Each structure stands twice: as structure tokens, then as C-alpha cells.
Amino acid sequence: MNNKVLIKVLFPEMDSEFDVFIPVNEQVWKINRMVTKSVFDLCGLTGIDSQEYLYMNKLSGKVYNNNDIIIHTDIRNGTELVMIRSQQEEKL
């Protein structure tokens, strides 16, 4: 396996998808932050918190833990990941 994989990230809220190379030796939360920031910068959106989003595998429906390392998951070249909003309750 190379040190990067090419994935497709789907953002249903924006009806957009992006092809992204990600490093396999990073944790999911770091990739989430990097990809979310890049996509929202490209779309001209601000004030978005990457912690609001989770990765879900489009085929299997698996939601990835933020502490997982990419190489130890089933994320490989061509994997399609859907960015979904976390269902955390707001704190008053």
C-alpha cells in the first residue's frame, strides 16, 4: 500500500462530491478536519466545525471512530465516504 489513498468524499448537504488523496498514517479526526476545512474553503463557507461531521462508508454504512488510523480501517483507493452531521445534543 502506498502512503496515500484516493477517496471520494460526498457532502449530501451541499450536493457535492470531491476526490481527495489522504495519508494512511493519520487518524480519522485529522483527516476529517483537513478535508472539511478544504471543502468549505473551496465552497466559500465559514464558521463550520469539523467536529460536527462524521465519516460513513457509502457501501457498508460503517461510521468511523475519530481515533482510528486510516491504514487500520477498510478505507482504500476508491472508497466513497459520506460526511454526515453528528447527532450530538446541544448543551445549554
PDB file of N, CA and C in Angstrom:
ATOM      1  N   MET A   1       0.847  -1.179   0.000  1.00  0.00           N
ATOM      2  CA  MET A   1       0.000   0.000   0.000  1.00  0.00           C
ATOM      3  C   MET A   1       0.890   1.239   0.000  1.00  0.00           C
ATOM      4  N   ASN A   2       0.491   2.229  -0.777  1.00  0.00           N
ATOM      5  CA  ASN A   2       1.215   3.496  -0.800  1.00  0.00           C
ATOM      6  C   ASN A   2       0.952   4.268   0.482  1.00  0.00           C
ATOM      7  N   ASN A   3       1.568   5.443   0.585  1.00  0.00           N
ATOM      8  CA  ASN A   3       1.363   6.238   1.783  1.00  0.00           C
ATOM      9  C   ASN A   3       0.114   7.117   1.699  1.00  0.00           C
ATOM     10  N   LYS A   4      -0.570   7.114   0.549  1.00  0.00           N
ATOM     11  CA  LYS A   4      -1.818   7.873   0.382  1.00  0.00           C
ATOM     12  C   LYS A   4      -2.819   7.031  -0.393  1.00  0.00           C
ATOM     13  N   VAL A   5      -4.099   7.315  -0.151  1.00  0.00           N
ATOM     14  CA  VAL A   5      -5.162   6.674  -0.911  1.00  0.00           C
ATOM     15  C   VAL A   5      -6.073   7.752  -1.486  1.00  0.00           C
ATOM     16  N   LEU A   6      -6.677   7.446  -2.619  1.00  0.00           N
ATOM     17  CA  LEU A   6      -7.610   8.358  -3.265  1.00  0.00           C
ATOM     18  C   LEU A   6      -9.023   7.927  -2.906  1.00  0.00           C
ATOM     19  N   ILE A   7      -9.736   8.825  -2.224  1.00  0.00           N
ATOM     20  CA  ILE A   7     -11.113   8.532  -1.822  1.00  0.00           C
ATOM     21  C   ILE A   7     -12.060   9.552  -2.445  1.00  0.00           C
ATOM     22  N   LYS A   8     -13.330   9.223  -2.451  1.00  0.00           N
ATOM     23  CA  LYS A   8     -14.361  10.161  -2.890  1.00  0.00           C
ATOM     24  C   LYS A   8     -15.146  10.544  -1.638  1.00  0.00           C
ATOM     25  N   VAL A   9     -15.231  11.851  -1.380  1.00  0.00           N
ATOM     26  CA  VAL A   9     -15.963  12.355  -0.223  1.00  0.00           C
ATOM     27  C   VAL A   9     -17.243  13.002  -0.729  1.00  0.00           C
ATOM     28  N   LEU A  10     -18.372  12.534  -0.213  1.00  0.00           N
ATOM     29  CA  LEU A  10     -19.677  13.063  -0.615  1.00  0.00           C
ATOM     30  C   LEU A  10     -20.242  13.928   0.518  1.00  0.00           C
ATOM     31  N   PHE A  11     -20.715  15.127   0.166  1.00  0.00           N
ATOM     32  CA  PHE A  11     -21.339  16.038   1.118  1.00  0.00           C
ATOM     33  C   PHE A  11     -22.801  16.220   0.712  1.00  0.00           C
ATOM     34  N   PRO A  12     -23.712  15.408   1.235  1.00  0.00           N
ATOM     35  CA  PRO A  12     -25.115  15.491   0.828  1.00  0.00           C
ATOM     36  C   PRO A  12     -25.741  16.859   1.099  1.00  0.00           C
ATOM     37  N   GLU A  13     -25.323  17.540   2.150  1.00  0.00           N
ATOM     38  CA  GLU A  13     -25.885  18.846   2.489  1.00  0.00           C
ATOM     39  C   GLU A  13     -25.630  19.876   1.395  1.00  0.00           C
ATOM     40  N   MET A  14     -24.500  19.725   0.698  1.00  0.00           N
ATOM     41  CA  MET A  14     -24.143  20.684  -0.351  1.00  0.00           C
ATOM     42  C   MET A  14     -24.318  20.077  -1.740  1.00  0.00           C
ATOM     43  N   ASP A  15     -24.807  18.849  -1.800  1.00  0.00           N
ATOM     44  CA  ASP A  15     -24.959  18.137  -3.069  1.00  0.00           C
ATOM     45  C   ASP A  15     -23.658  18.189  -3.870  1.00  0.00           C
ATOM     46  N   SER A  16     -22.537  17.866  -3.170  1.00  0.00           N
ATOM     47  CA  SER A  16     -21.215  17.934  -3.787  1.00  0.00           C
ATOM     48  C   SER A  16     -20.422  16.678  -3.472  1.00  0.00           C
ATOM     49  N   GLU A  17     -19.449  16.403  -4.334  1.00  0.00           N
ATOM     50  CA  GLU A  17     -18.512  15.312  -4.072  1.00  0.00           C
ATOM     51  C   GLU A  17     -17.132  15.737  -4.539  1.00  0.00           C
ATOM     52  N   PHE A  18     -16.114  15.229  -3.837  1.00  0.00           N
ATOM     53  CA  PHE A  18     -14.740  15.606  -4.115  1.00  0.00           C
ATOM     54  C   PHE A  18     -13.848  14.373  -4.058  1.00  0.00           C
ATOM     55  N   ASP A  19     -12.879  14.306  -4.963  1.00  0.00           N
ATOM     56  CA  ASP A  19     -11.848  13.272  -4.908  1.00  0.00           C
ATOM     57  C   ASP A  19     -10.678  13.845  -4.139  1.00  0.00           C
ATOM     58  N   VAL A  20     -10.215  13.092  -3.128  1.00  0.00           N
ATOM     59  CA  VAL A  20      -9.191  13.595  -2.225  1.00  0.00           C
ATOM     60  C   VAL A  20      -8.155  12.511  -1.956  1.00  0.00           C
ATOM     61  N   PHE A  21      -6.874  12.876  -1.989  1.00  0.00           N
ATOM     62  CA  PHE A  21      -5.818  11.989  -1.523  1.00  0.00           C
ATOM     63  C   PHE A  21      -5.644  12.221  -0.029  1.00  0.00           C
ATOM     64  N   ILE A  22      -5.641  11.139   0.744  1.00  0.00           N
ATOM     65  CA  ILE A  22      -5.424  11.253   2.186  1.00  0.00           C
ATOM     66  C   ILE A  22      -4.278  10.336   2.603  1.00  0.00           C
ATOM     67  N   PRO A  23      -3.492  10.749   3.604  1.00  0.00           N
ATOM     68  CA  PRO A  23      -2.407   9.895   4.100  1.00  0.00           C
ATOM     69  C   PRO A  23      -2.969   8.740   4.936  1.00  0.00           C
ATOM     70  N   VAL A  24      -2.370   7.572   4.808  1.00  0.00           N
ATOM     71  CA  VAL A  24      -2.879   6.389   5.510  1.00  0.00           C
ATOM     72  C   VAL A  24      -2.392   6.293   6.949  1.00  0.00           C
ATOM     73  N   ASN A  25      -1.421   7.110   7.327  1.00  0.00           N
ATOM     74  CA  ASN A  25      -0.857   7.007   8.672  1.00  0.00           C
ATOM     75  C   ASN A  25      -1.428   8.041   9.638  1.00  0.00           C
ATOM     76  N   GLU A  26      -2.551   8.676   9.278  1.00  0.00           N
ATOM     77  CA  GLU A  26      -3.180   9.681  10.137  1.00  0.00           C
ATOM     78  C   GLU A  26      -4.470   9.142  10.736  1.00  0.00           C
ATOM     79  N   GLN A  27      -4.897   9.768  11.830  1.00  0.00           N
ATOM     80  CA  GLN A  27      -6.149   9.400  12.468  1.00  0.00           C
ATOM     81  C   GLN A  27      -7.314  10.037  11.717  1.00  0.00           C
ATOM     82  N   VAL A  28      -8.462   9.421  11.834  1.00  0.00           N
ATOM     83  CA  VAL A  28      -9.655   9.878  11.132  1.00  0.00           C
ATOM     84  C   VAL A  28      -9.979  11.330  11.486  1.00  0.00           C
ATOM     85  N   TRP A  29      -9.848  11.738  12.746  1.00  0.00           N
ATOM     86  CA  TRP A  29     -10.201  13.102  13.131  1.00  0.00           C
ATOM     87  C   TRP A  29      -9.318  14.135  12.426  1.00  0.00           C
ATOM     88  N   LYS A  30      -8.054  13.813  12.197  1.00  0.00           N
ATOM     89  CA  LYS A  30      -7.166  14.749  11.497  1.00  0.00           C
ATOM     90  C   LYS A  30      -7.557  14.862  10.023  1.00  0.00           C
ATOM     91  N   ILE A  31      -7.897  13.740   9.420  1.00  0.00           N
ATOM     92  CA  ILE A  31      -8.347  13.743   8.026  1.00  0.00           C
ATOM     93  C   ILE A  31      -9.669  14.495   7.921  1.00  0.00           C
ATOM     94  N   ASN A  32     -10.558  14.250   8.865  1.00  0.00           N
ATOM     95  CA  ASN A  32     -11.843  14.936   8.895  1.00  0.00           C
ATOM     96  C   ASN A  32     -11.635  16.458   8.932  1.00  0.00           C
ATOM     97  N   ARG A  33     -10.779  16.908   9.809  1.00  0.00           N
ATOM     98  CA  ARG A  33     -10.517  18.349   9.943  1.00  0.00           C
ATOM     99  C   ARG A  33      -9.930  18.906   8.653  1.00  0.00           C
ATOM    100  N   MET A  34      -8.957  18.205   8.079  1.00  0.00           N
ATOM    101  CA  MET A  34      -8.289  18.676   6.863  1.00  0.00           C
ATOM    102  C   MET A  34      -9.263  18.737   5.679  1.00  0.00           C
ATOM    103  N   VAL A  35     -10.009  17.666   5.459  1.00  0.00           N
ATOM    104  CA  VAL A  35     -10.924  17.598   4.319  1.00  0.00           C
ATOM    105  C   VAL A  35     -12.069  18.592   4.492  1.00  0.00           C
ATOM    106  N   THR A  36     -12.657  18.658   5.679  1.00  0.00           N
ATOM    107  CA  THR A  36     -13.772  19.578   5.921  1.00  0.00           C
ATOM    108  C   THR A  36     -13.348  21.015   5.695  1.00  0.00           C
ATOM    109  N   LYS A  37     -12.199  21.393   6.232  1.00  0.00           N
ATOM    110  CA  LYS A  37     -11.711  22.756   6.056  1.00  0.00           C
ATOM    111  C   LYS A  37     -11.460  23.057   4.581  1.00  0.00           C
ATOM    112  N   SER A  38     -10.835  22.137   3.877  1.00  0.00           N
ATOM    113  CA  SER A  38     -10.547  22.342   2.451  1.00  0.00           C
ATOM    114  C   SER A  38     -11.819  22.505   1.628  1.00  0.00           C
ATOM    115  N   VAL A  39     -12.780  21.633   1.862  1.00  0.00           N
ATOM    116  CA  VAL A  39     -14.018  21.676   1.086  1.00  0.00           C
ATOM    117  C   VAL A  39     -14.789  22.954   1.371  1.00  0.00           C
ATOM    118  N   PHE A  40     -14.915  23.324   2.633  1.00  0.00           N
ATOM    119  CA  PHE A  40     -15.674  24.527   2.960  1.00  0.00           C
ATOM    120  C   PHE A  40     -14.957  25.791   2.499  1.00  0.00           C
ATOM    121  N   ASP A  41     -13.624  25.770   2.481  1.00  0.00           N
ATOM    122  CA  ASP A  41     -12.879  26.896   1.918  1.00  0.00           C
ATOM    123  C   ASP A  41     -13.131  27.007   0.414  1.00  0.00           C
ATOM    124  N   LEU A  42     -13.126  25.865  -0.283  1.00  0.00           N
ATOM    125  CA  LEU A  42     -13.398  25.862  -1.719  1.00  0.00           C
ATOM    126  C   LEU A  42     -14.803  26.377  -2.035  1.00  0.00           C
ATOM    127  N   CYS A  43     -15.754  26.062  -1.160  1.00  0.00           N
ATOM    128  CA  CYS A  43     -17.140  26.467  -1.391  1.00  0.00           C
ATOM    129  C   CYS A  43     -17.449  27.856  -0.834  1.00  0.00           C
ATOM    130  N   GLY A  44     -16.471  28.479  -0.181  1.00  0.00           N
ATOM    131  CA  GLY A  44     -16.664  29.824   0.363  1.00  0.00           C
ATOM    132  C   GLY A  44     -17.495  29.868   1.626  1.00  0.00           C
ATOM    133  N   LEU A  45     -17.567  28.772   2.363  1.00  0.00           N
ATOM    134  CA  LEU A  45     -18.333  28.731   3.608  1.00  0.00           C
ATOM    135  C   LEU A  45     -17.402  28.937   4.794  1.00  0.00           C
ATOM    136  N   THR A  46     -17.902  29.586   5.836  1.00  0.00           N
ATOM    137  CA  THR A  46     -17.095  29.824   7.031  1.00  0.00           C
ATOM    138  C   THR A  46     -17.877  29.405   8.272  1.00  0.00           C
ATOM    139  N   GLY A  47     -17.169  29.306   9.378  1.00  0.00           N
ATOM    140  CA  GLY A  47     -17.816  29.003  10.647  1.00  0.00           C
ATOM    141  C   GLY A  47     -18.258  27.560  10.791  1.00  0.00           C
ATOM    142  N   ILE A  48     -17.701  26.658  10.009  1.00  0.00           N
ATOM    143  CA  ILE A  48     -18.077  25.243  10.079  1.00  0.00           C
ATOM    144  C   ILE A  48     -17.073  24.515  10.969  1.00  0.00           C
ATOM    145  N   ASP A  49     -17.574  23.725  11.891  1.00  0.00           N
ATOM    146  CA  ASP A  49     -16.737  22.959  12.806  1.00  0.00           C
ATOM    147  C   ASP A  49     -16.655  21.512  12.319  1.00  0.00           C
ATOM    148  N   SER A  50     -15.444  21.047  12.039  1.00  0.00           N
ATOM    149  CA  SER A  50     -15.283  19.682  11.523  1.00  0.00           C
ATOM    150  C   SER A  50     -15.748  18.629  12.520  1.00  0.00           C
ATOM    151  N   GLN A  51     -15.813  18.985  13.810  1.00  0.00           N
ATOM    152  CA  GLN A  51     -16.271  18.025  14.816  1.00  0.00           C
ATOM    153  C   GLN A  51     -17.757  17.734  14.690  1.00  0.00           C
ATOM    154  N   GLU A  52     -18.472  18.531  13.911  1.00  0.00           N
ATOM    155  CA  GLU A  52     -19.895  18.293  13.697  1.00  0.00           C
ATOM    156  C   GLU A  52     -20.136  17.158  12.704  1.00  0.00           C
ATOM    157  N   TYR A  53     -19.085  16.720  12.009  1.00  0.00           N
ATOM    158  CA  TYR A  53     -19.240  15.750  10.928  1.00  0.00           C
ATOM    159  C   TYR A  53     -18.552  14.434  11.230  1.00  0.00           C
ATOM    160  N   LEU A  54     -19.144  13.355  10.712  1.00  0.00           N
ATOM    161  CA  LEU A  54     -18.579  12.015  10.817  1.00  0.00           C
ATOM    162  C   LEU A  54     -18.447  11.434   9.416  1.00  0.00           C
ATOM    163  N   TYR A  55     -17.499  10.506   9.264  1.00  0.00           N
ATOM    164  CA  TYR A  55     -17.358   9.772   8.014  1.00  0.00           C
ATOM    165  C   TYR A  55     -18.172   8.500   8.089  1.00  0.00           C
ATOM    166  N   MET A  56     -18.933   8.223   7.025  1.00  0.00           N
ATOM    167  CA  MET A  56     -19.663   6.972   6.923  1.00  0.00           C
ATOM    168  C   MET A  56     -19.345   6.346   5.565  1.00  0.00           C
ATOM    169  N   ASN A  57     -19.002   5.065   5.569  1.00  0.00           N
ATOM    170  CA  ASN A  57     -18.728   4.353   4.332  1.00  0.00           C
ATOM    171  C   ASN A  57     -20.035   4.194   3.558  1.00  0.00           C
ATOM    172  N   LYS A  58     -20.039   4.623   2.305  1.00  0.00           N
ATOM    173  CA  LYS A  58     -21.261   4.598   1.494  1.00  0.00           C
ATOM    174  C   LYS A  58     -21.771   3.178   1.258  1.00  0.00           C
ATOM    175  N   LEU A  59     -20.875   2.232   1.070  1.00  0.00           N
ATOM    176  CA  LEU A  59     -21.301   0.860   0.782  1.00  0.00           C
ATOM    177  C   LEU A  59     -21.712   0.072   2.013  1.00  0.00           C
ATOM    178  N   SER A  60     -20.903   0.148   3.060  1.00  0.00           N
ATOM    179  CA  SER A  60     -21.158  -0.678   4.237  1.00  0.00           C
ATOM    180  C   SER A  60     -21.993   0.014   5.309  1.00  0.00           C
ATOM    181  N   GLY A  61     -22.053   1.346   5.292  1.00  0.00           N
ATOM    182  CA  GLY A  61     -22.780   2.083   6.326  1.00  0.00           C
ATOM    183  C   GLY A  61     -21.997   2.243   7.610  1.00  0.00           C
ATOM    184  N   LYS A  62     -20.748   1.793   7.610  1.00  0.00           N
ATOM    185  CA  LYS A  62     -19.916   1.878   8.811  1.00  0.00           C
ATOM    186  C   LYS A  62     -19.541   3.325   9.085  1.00  0.00           C
ATOM    187  N   VAL A  63     -19.679   3.743  10.353  1.00  0.00           N
ATOM    188  CA  VAL A  63     -19.247   5.063  10.786  1.00  0.00           C
ATOM    189  C   VAL A  63     -17.898   4.881  11.479  1.00  0.00           C
ATOM    190  N   TYR A  64     -16.915   5.676  11.059  1.00  0.00           N
ATOM    191  CA  TYR A  64     -15.549   5.515  11.557  1.00  0.00           C
ATOM    192  C   TYR A  64     -15.320   6.287  12.843  1.00  0.00           C
ATOM    193  N   ASN A  65     -14.617   5.645  13.759  1.00  0.00           N
ATOM    194  CA  ASN A  65     -14.232   6.262  15.018  1.00  0.00           C
ATOM    195  C   ASN A  65     -13.144   7.292  14.754  1.00  0.00           C
ATOM    196  N   ASN A  66     -13.212   8.440  15.414  1.00  0.00           N
ATOM    197  CA  ASN A  66     -12.231   9.504  15.211  1.00  0.00           C
ATOM    198  C   ASN A  66     -10.809   9.085  15.552  1.00  0.00           C
ATOM    199  N   ASN A  67     -10.627   8.103  16.414  1.00  0.00           N
ATOM    200  CA  ASN A  67      -9.285   7.688  16.815  1.00  0.00           C
ATOM    201  C   ASN A  67      -8.706   6.580  15.938  1.00  0.00           C
ATOM    202  N   ASP A  68      -9.488   6.063  14.993  1.00  0.00           N
ATOM    203  CA  ASP A  68      -8.985   5.042  14.074  1.00  0.00           C
ATOM    204  C   ASP A  68      -7.896   5.629  13.181  1.00  0.00           C
ATOM    205  N   ILE A  69      -6.890   4.829  12.877  1.00  0.00           N
ATOM    206  CA  ILE A  69      -5.861   5.219  11.915  1.00  0.00           C
ATOM    207  C   ILE A  69      -6.306   4.662  10.567  1.00  0.00           C
ATOM    208  N   ILE A  70      -6.214   5.474   9.537  1.00  0.00           N
ATOM    209  CA  ILE A  70      -6.753   5.127   8.222  1.00  0.00           C
ATOM    210  C   ILE A  70      -6.291   3.750   7.755  1.00  0.00           C
ATOM    211  N   ILE A  71      -5.006   3.427   7.920  1.00  0.00           N
ATOM    212  CA  ILE A  71      -4.474   2.148   7.428  1.00  0.00           C
ATOM    213  C   ILE A  71      -5.103   0.952   8.155  1.00  0.00           C
ATOM    214  N   HIS A  72      -5.632   1.161   9.371  1.00  0.00           N
ATOM    215  CA  HIS A  72      -6.248   0.082  10.128  1.00  0.00           C
ATOM    216  C   HIS A  72      -7.759  -0.014   9.897  1.00  0.00           C
ATOM    217  N   THR A  73      -8.253   0.749   8.934  1.00  0.00           N
ATOM    218  CA  THR A  73      -9.670   0.675   8.570  1.00  0.00           C
ATOM    219  C   THR A  73      -9.791   0.001   7.203  1.00  0.00           C
ATOM    220  N   ASP A  74     -11.006  -0.046   6.687  1.00  0.00           N
ATOM    221  CA  ASP A  74     -11.214  -0.610   5.348  1.00  0.00           C
ATOM    222  C   ASP A  74     -11.199   0.475   4.268  1.00  0.00           C
ATOM    223  N   ILE A  75     -10.678   1.663   4.595  1.00  0.00           N
ATOM    224  CA  ILE A  75     -10.588   2.752   3.624  1.00  0.00           C
ATOM    225  C   ILE A  75      -9.408   2.488   2.702  1.00  0.00           C
ATOM    226  N   ARG A  76      -9.722   2.338   1.411  1.00  0.00           N
ATOM    227  CA  ARG A  76      -8.712   2.057   0.390  1.00  0.00           C
ATOM    228  C   ARG A  76      -8.991   2.930  -0.825  1.00  0.00           C
ATOM    229  N   ASN A  77      -8.146   2.830  -1.853  1.00  0.00           N
ATOM    230  CA  ASN A  77      -8.372   3.585  -3.084  1.00  0.00           C
ATOM    231  C   ASN A  77      -9.779   3.314  -3.602  1.00  0.00           C
ATOM    232  N   GLY A  78     -10.493   4.383  -3.926  1.00  0.00           N
ATOM    233  CA  GLY A  78     -11.831   4.260  -4.482  1.00  0.00           C
ATOM    234  C   GLY A  78     -12.950   4.205  -3.460  1.00  0.00           C
ATOM    235  N   THR A  79     -12.620   4.188  -2.169  1.00  0.00           N
ATOM    236  CA  THR A  79     -13.654   4.173  -1.141  1.00  0.00           C
ATOM    237  C   THR A  79     -14.462   5.463  -1.213  1.00  0.00           C
ATOM    238  N   GLU A  80     -15.771   5.334  -1.083  1.00  0.00           N
ATOM    239  CA  GLU A  80     -16.643   6.503  -1.068  1.00  0.00           C
ATOM    240  C   GLU A  80     -17.124   6.729   0.360  1.00  0.00           C
ATOM    241  N   LEU A  81     -16.795   7.906   0.900  1.00  0.00           N
ATOM    242  CA  LEU A  81     -17.189   8.265   2.253  1.00  0.00           C
ATOM    243  C   LEU A  81     -18.196   9.398   2.210  1.00  0.00           C
ATOM    244  N   VAL A  82     -19.211   9.294   3.042  1.00  0.00           N
ATOM    245  CA  VAL A  82     -20.242  10.317   3.139  1.00  0.00           C
ATOM    246  C   VAL A  82     -20.009  11.094   4.426  1.00  0.00           C
ATOM    247  N   MET A  83     -19.978  12.420   4.320  1.00  0.00           N
ATOM    248  CA  MET A  83     -19.845  13.271   5.504  1.00  0.00           C
ATOM    249  C   MET A  83     -21.248  13.539   6.029  1.00  0.00           C
ATOM    250  N   ILE A  84     -21.511  13.083   7.252  1.00  0.00           N
ATOM    251  CA  ILE A  84     -22.828  13.283   7.853  1.00  0.00           C
ATOM    252  C   ILE A  84     -22.679  14.086   9.131  1.00  0.00           C
ATOM    253  N   ARG A  85     -23.691  14.868   9.431  1.00  0.00           N
ATOM    254  CA  ARG A  85     -23.676  15.657  10.666  1.00  0.00           C
ATOM    255  C   ARG A  85     -23.871  14.743  11.863  1.00  0.00           C
ATOM    256  N   SER A  86     -23.076  14.998  12.884  1.00  0.00           N
ATOM    257  CA  SER A  86     -23.198  14.262  14.133  1.00  0.00           C
ATOM    258  C   SER A  86     -24.523  14.622  14.789  1.00  0.00           C
ATOM    259  N   GLN A  87     -25.116  13.704  15.493  1.00  0.00           N
ATOM    260  CA  GLN A  87     -26.399  13.937  16.158  1.00  0.00           C
ATOM    261  C   GLN A  87     -26.228  14.292  17.621  1.00  0.00           C
ATOM    262  N   GLN A  88     -25.141  14.985  17.964  1.00  0.00           N
ATOM    263  CA  GLN A  88     -24.903  15.373  19.344  1.00  0.00           C
ATOM    264  C   GLN A  88     -25.906  16.434  19.762  1.00  0.00           C
ATOM    265  N   GLU A  89     -26.383  16.322  21.000  1.00  0.00           N
ATOM    266  CA  GLU A  89     -27.329  17.303  21.507  1.00  0.00           C
ATOM    267  C   GLU A  89     -26.596  18.565  21.895  1.00  0.00           C
ATOM    268  N   GLU A  90     -27.258  19.707  21.684  1.00  0.00           N
ATOM    269  CA  GLU A  90     -26.666  20.966  22.066  1.00  0.00           C
ATOM    270  C   GLU A  90     -26.680  21.096  23.573  1.00  0.00           C
ATOM    271  N   LYS A  91     -25.598  21.655  24.115  1.00  0.00           N
ATOM    272  CA  LYS A  91     -25.523  21.889  25.556  1.00  0.00           C
ATOM    273  C   LYS A  91     -26.073  23.270  25.857  1.00  0.00           C
ATOM    274  N   LEU A  92     -26.889  23.352  26.880  1.00  0.00           N
ATOM    275  CA  LEU A  92     -27.477  24.643  27.254  1.00  0.00           C
ATOM    276  C   LEU A  92     -26.572  25.389  28.187  1.00  0.00           C
TER     277      LEU A  92
END
